[in-house]
Protein backbone atom coordinates (compact mmCIF):
# COMPACT_ATOMS: atom_id res chain seq x y z
CA UNK A 1 -43.18 2.13 -90.06
CA UNK A 2 -46.74 2.19 -91.07
CA UNK A 3 -48.16 4.05 -88.12
CA UNK A 4 -45.34 6.60 -88.22
CA UNK A 5 -45.94 7.26 -91.91
CA UNK A 6 -49.70 7.34 -91.04
CA UNK A 7 -49.31 10.20 -88.57
CA UNK A 8 -47.16 12.04 -91.04
CA UNK A 9 -47.92 14.48 -93.68
CA UNK A 10 -46.75 12.09 -96.74
CA UNK A 11 -48.93 11.56 -99.80
CA UNK A 12 -49.63 7.90 -98.29
CA UNK A 13 -50.35 8.91 -94.83
CA UNK A 14 -54.29 9.16 -95.03
CA UNK A 15 -54.56 5.85 -96.93
CA UNK A 16 -52.52 4.17 -94.40
CA UNK A 17 -54.26 5.73 -91.38
CA UNK A 18 -57.78 4.71 -92.65
CA UNK A 19 -56.63 1.06 -93.65
CA UNK A 20 -55.02 0.41 -90.09
CA UNK A 21 -58.13 1.96 -88.10
CA UNK A 22 -60.59 -0.12 -90.16
CA UNK A 23 -58.45 -3.46 -90.01
CA UNK A 24 -57.84 -3.46 -93.72
CA UNK A 25 -54.72 -4.42 -95.32
CA UNK A 26 -52.58 -1.48 -96.78
CA UNK A 27 -52.16 -2.05 -100.44
CA UNK A 28 -49.15 -4.11 -101.82
CA UNK A 29 -48.03 -1.02 -104.06
CA UNK A 30 -47.85 1.36 -101.22
CA UNK A 31 -46.27 -0.95 -98.83
CA UNK A 32 -43.52 -2.18 -101.35
CA UNK A 33 -42.64 1.67 -102.16
CA UNK A 34 -42.12 2.41 -98.49
CA UNK A 35 -40.16 -0.73 -97.65
CA UNK A 36 -37.64 -0.16 -100.57
CA UNK A 37 -37.11 3.24 -99.55
CA UNK A 38 -36.55 2.23 -95.83
CA UNK A 39 -34.23 -0.58 -96.77
CA UNK A 40 -32.01 1.84 -98.51
CA UNK A 41 -31.93 4.33 -95.64
CA UNK A 42 -28.95 4.50 -93.18
CA UNK A 43 -31.19 2.84 -90.38
CA UNK A 44 -31.11 -0.39 -92.04
CA UNK A 45 -27.48 -0.71 -93.14
CA UNK A 46 -26.51 -3.00 -90.14
CA UNK A 47 -29.64 -5.19 -90.50
CA UNK A 48 -33.55 -4.79 -89.62
CA UNK A 49 -36.36 -6.70 -88.41
CA UNK A 50 -39.53 -7.01 -90.48
CA UNK A 51 -42.48 -7.26 -88.01
CA UNK A 52 -45.75 -8.56 -89.55
CA UNK A 53 -44.48 -8.44 -93.15
CA UNK A 54 -45.13 -9.93 -95.63
CA UNK A 55 -48.61 -10.66 -95.13
CA UNK A 56 -49.61 -11.91 -98.67
CA UNK A 57 -47.77 -14.25 -101.20
CA UNK A 58 -47.69 -11.23 -103.51
CA UNK A 59 -45.73 -9.24 -100.84
CA UNK A 60 -43.53 -12.21 -100.11
CA UNK A 61 -42.50 -12.11 -103.84
CA UNK A 62 -42.23 -8.36 -103.78
CA UNK A 63 -39.84 -8.54 -100.87
CA UNK A 64 -37.80 -11.10 -102.78
CA UNK A 65 -37.52 -8.64 -105.69
CA UNK A 66 -36.54 -5.65 -103.47
CA UNK A 67 -33.91 -7.76 -101.65
CA UNK A 68 -32.47 -8.88 -104.82
CA UNK A 69 -32.37 -5.27 -106.20
CA UNK A 70 -30.49 -4.12 -103.05
CA UNK A 71 -28.22 -7.10 -102.71
CA UNK A 72 -29.57 -8.00 -99.27
CA UNK A 73 -30.22 -11.52 -98.12
CA UNK A 74 -32.76 -12.56 -95.77
CA UNK A 75 -31.41 -14.65 -92.83
CA UNK A 76 -34.99 -16.42 -91.99
CA UNK A 77 -38.59 -16.17 -91.29
CA UNK A 78 -39.99 -16.68 -87.72
CA UNK A 79 -43.72 -17.51 -87.39
CA UNK A 80 -44.77 -16.47 -84.02
CA UNK A 81 -48.01 -18.64 -83.21
CA UNK A 82 -50.42 -17.22 -80.64
CA UNK A 83 -53.86 -18.30 -79.80
CA UNK A 84 -56.75 -15.97 -80.86
CA UNK A 85 -57.89 -15.54 -77.23
CA UNK A 86 -54.43 -14.52 -76.12
CA UNK A 87 -54.27 -11.99 -79.03
CA UNK A 88 -57.59 -10.36 -77.95
CA UNK A 89 -56.36 -10.22 -74.67
CA UNK A 90 -53.35 -8.44 -75.24
CA UNK A 91 -54.88 -5.92 -77.58
CA UNK A 92 -57.64 -5.31 -75.00
CA UNK A 93 -55.20 -4.06 -72.43
CA UNK A 94 -52.83 -2.21 -74.45
CA UNK A 95 -52.92 1.51 -74.36
CA UNK A 96 -50.91 4.19 -75.99
CA UNK A 97 -50.27 7.93 -75.22
CA UNK A 98 -51.60 10.26 -77.81
CA UNK A 99 -49.26 13.20 -77.07
CA UNK A 100 -45.84 11.37 -76.86
CA UNK A 101 -46.54 7.95 -78.50
CA UNK A 102 -45.43 5.89 -75.37
CA UNK A 103 -47.02 2.33 -75.14
CA UNK A 104 -48.22 0.72 -72.09
CA UNK A 105 -50.02 -2.70 -71.23
CA UNK A 106 -51.94 -3.32 -68.24
CA UNK A 107 -50.67 -6.85 -67.67
CA UNK A 108 -46.91 -6.70 -69.08
CA UNK A 109 -46.01 -3.08 -68.94
CA UNK A 110 -48.45 -0.99 -66.77
CA UNK A 111 -48.00 2.80 -66.18
CA UNK A 112 -47.15 3.91 -62.56
CA UNK A 113 -50.47 5.47 -62.44
CA UNK A 114 -53.17 3.48 -64.30
CA UNK A 115 -54.54 5.34 -67.27
CA UNK A 116 -51.74 7.99 -67.21
CA UNK A 117 -48.69 8.30 -69.20
CA UNK A 118 -45.41 7.78 -67.20
CA UNK A 119 -43.50 10.31 -69.52
CA UNK A 120 -46.02 13.06 -70.14
CA UNK A 121 -48.79 12.53 -67.76
CA UNK A 122 -51.39 12.47 -70.38
CA UNK A 123 -54.53 10.29 -70.47
CA UNK A 124 -53.86 7.06 -72.14
CA UNK A 125 -56.22 5.62 -74.87
CA UNK A 126 -56.55 2.55 -76.95
CA UNK A 127 -55.58 2.31 -80.48
CA UNK A 128 -58.55 1.98 -82.73
CA UNK A 129 -57.11 -1.06 -84.42
CA UNK A 130 -56.88 -2.60 -80.91
CA UNK A 131 -60.72 -2.82 -80.77
CA UNK A 132 -61.82 -6.47 -80.42
CA UNK A 133 -63.87 -6.31 -83.68
CA UNK A 134 -61.00 -4.85 -85.67
CA UNK A 135 -58.54 -7.52 -84.35
CA UNK A 136 -60.92 -10.27 -85.26
CA UNK A 137 -61.49 -8.86 -88.79
CA UNK A 138 -57.67 -8.67 -89.23
CA UNK A 139 -57.19 -12.24 -87.98
CA UNK A 140 -59.67 -13.51 -90.37
CA UNK A 141 -57.96 -11.85 -93.50
CA UNK A 142 -54.61 -13.34 -92.08
CA UNK A 143 -55.93 -16.82 -91.65
CA UNK A 144 -56.96 -16.71 -95.41
CA UNK A 145 -53.31 -15.79 -96.55
CA UNK A 146 -50.80 -16.86 -93.99
CA UNK A 147 -50.38 -20.41 -94.94
CA UNK A 148 -49.39 -19.62 -98.51
CA UNK A 149 -46.67 -17.56 -97.11
CA UNK A 150 -45.50 -20.19 -94.60
CA UNK A 151 -45.16 -22.65 -97.40
CA UNK A 152 -43.41 -20.28 -99.53
CA UNK A 153 -40.59 -19.89 -97.04
CA UNK A 154 -40.61 -23.34 -95.67
CA UNK A 155 -39.70 -24.60 -99.28
CA UNK A 156 -36.85 -22.34 -98.89
CA UNK A 157 -35.68 -23.93 -95.94
CA UNK A 158 -36.03 -20.47 -94.11
CA UNK A 159 -39.08 -20.83 -91.87
CA UNK A 160 -39.00 -21.29 -87.90
CA UNK A 161 -42.23 -21.99 -86.00
CA UNK A 162 -42.23 -20.93 -82.35
CA UNK A 163 -45.24 -20.66 -79.84
CA UNK A 164 -44.96 -16.78 -78.74
CA UNK A 165 -46.47 -17.11 -75.30
CA UNK A 166 -44.59 -15.86 -72.37
CA UNK A 167 -44.25 -19.37 -71.06
CA UNK A 168 -43.10 -20.47 -74.27
CA UNK A 169 -39.85 -18.51 -73.93
CA UNK A 170 -40.21 -17.74 -77.52
CA UNK A 171 -37.37 -15.01 -77.85
CA UNK A 172 -34.70 -17.34 -76.43
CA UNK A 173 -35.66 -19.87 -78.96
CA UNK A 174 -35.52 -17.34 -81.78
CA UNK A 175 -32.26 -16.44 -80.52
CA UNK A 176 -30.95 -19.81 -80.31
CA UNK A 177 -32.30 -20.33 -83.91
CA UNK A 178 -30.42 -17.16 -85.09
CA UNK A 179 -27.28 -18.11 -83.13
CA UNK A 180 -26.91 -21.13 -85.51
CA UNK A 181 -26.91 -18.78 -88.47
CA UNK A 182 -24.50 -16.60 -86.57
CA UNK A 183 -27.02 -13.87 -86.15
CA UNK A 184 -28.31 -13.77 -82.42
CA UNK A 185 -30.60 -10.95 -81.75
CA UNK A 186 -28.69 -10.40 -78.64
CA UNK A 187 -25.66 -9.19 -80.44
CA UNK A 188 -26.88 -5.68 -82.24
CA UNK A 189 -23.34 -5.60 -84.12
CA UNK A 190 -24.19 -8.52 -86.31
CA UNK A 191 -26.88 -8.24 -88.76
CA UNK A 192 -30.36 -8.92 -87.95
CA UNK A 193 -32.37 -9.58 -90.94
CA UNK A 194 -35.66 -11.50 -90.25
CA UNK A 195 -39.12 -11.39 -91.12
CA UNK A 196 -41.34 -12.02 -88.21
CA UNK A 197 -44.70 -13.42 -88.73
CA UNK A 198 -47.73 -13.60 -86.19
CA UNK A 199 -50.39 -16.06 -86.41
CA UNK A 200 -53.24 -17.49 -84.24
CA UNK A 201 -52.58 -21.15 -84.73
CA UNK A 202 -53.77 -22.83 -81.85
CA UNK A 203 -52.82 -26.49 -82.21
CA UNK A 204 -49.13 -27.74 -83.25
CA UNK A 205 -48.54 -28.70 -86.58
CA UNK A 206 -47.28 -32.33 -87.51
């Protein structure tokens, strides 16, 4: 959502684009305004997934207020734990097409011709916010705030923790968790309202 608006001509576009490229967080006021508008749109009438939001305790409280005002209940919050080294490796090998927006990854989703978009044959490039220095900066900011958010949702009995590495089969585990709530990701006809969180926690918690 942020990148789409950042590339548009909206009043928030330049603010969002600058924040994303520098690794800074977009202000809570801007995020809340966009989120409320999005949740009231037709695209979200059958459910939605919030990827990487909320990122601060204030955003978590804002989300609760927005959902309450729209009559929507959150199904749960999945904390995806990924080692820092793995996050840096993923970002370094990810490329996008500046022309059509297609996304590729050298290891997980490589183009047929390395460095060239499969869809429009344009030269691929790396997103500015995927640069190693920017990723590390974002992780540092995240480390300073995410524990408060996890505690916030854990107290409500809504948090689910899973190691998000290929060998961890994390999507299957998330699906099993949601199935218990009768909202599996594999069933597009059922409401899929879940806030996804990424962390760089390396060691398991007790």
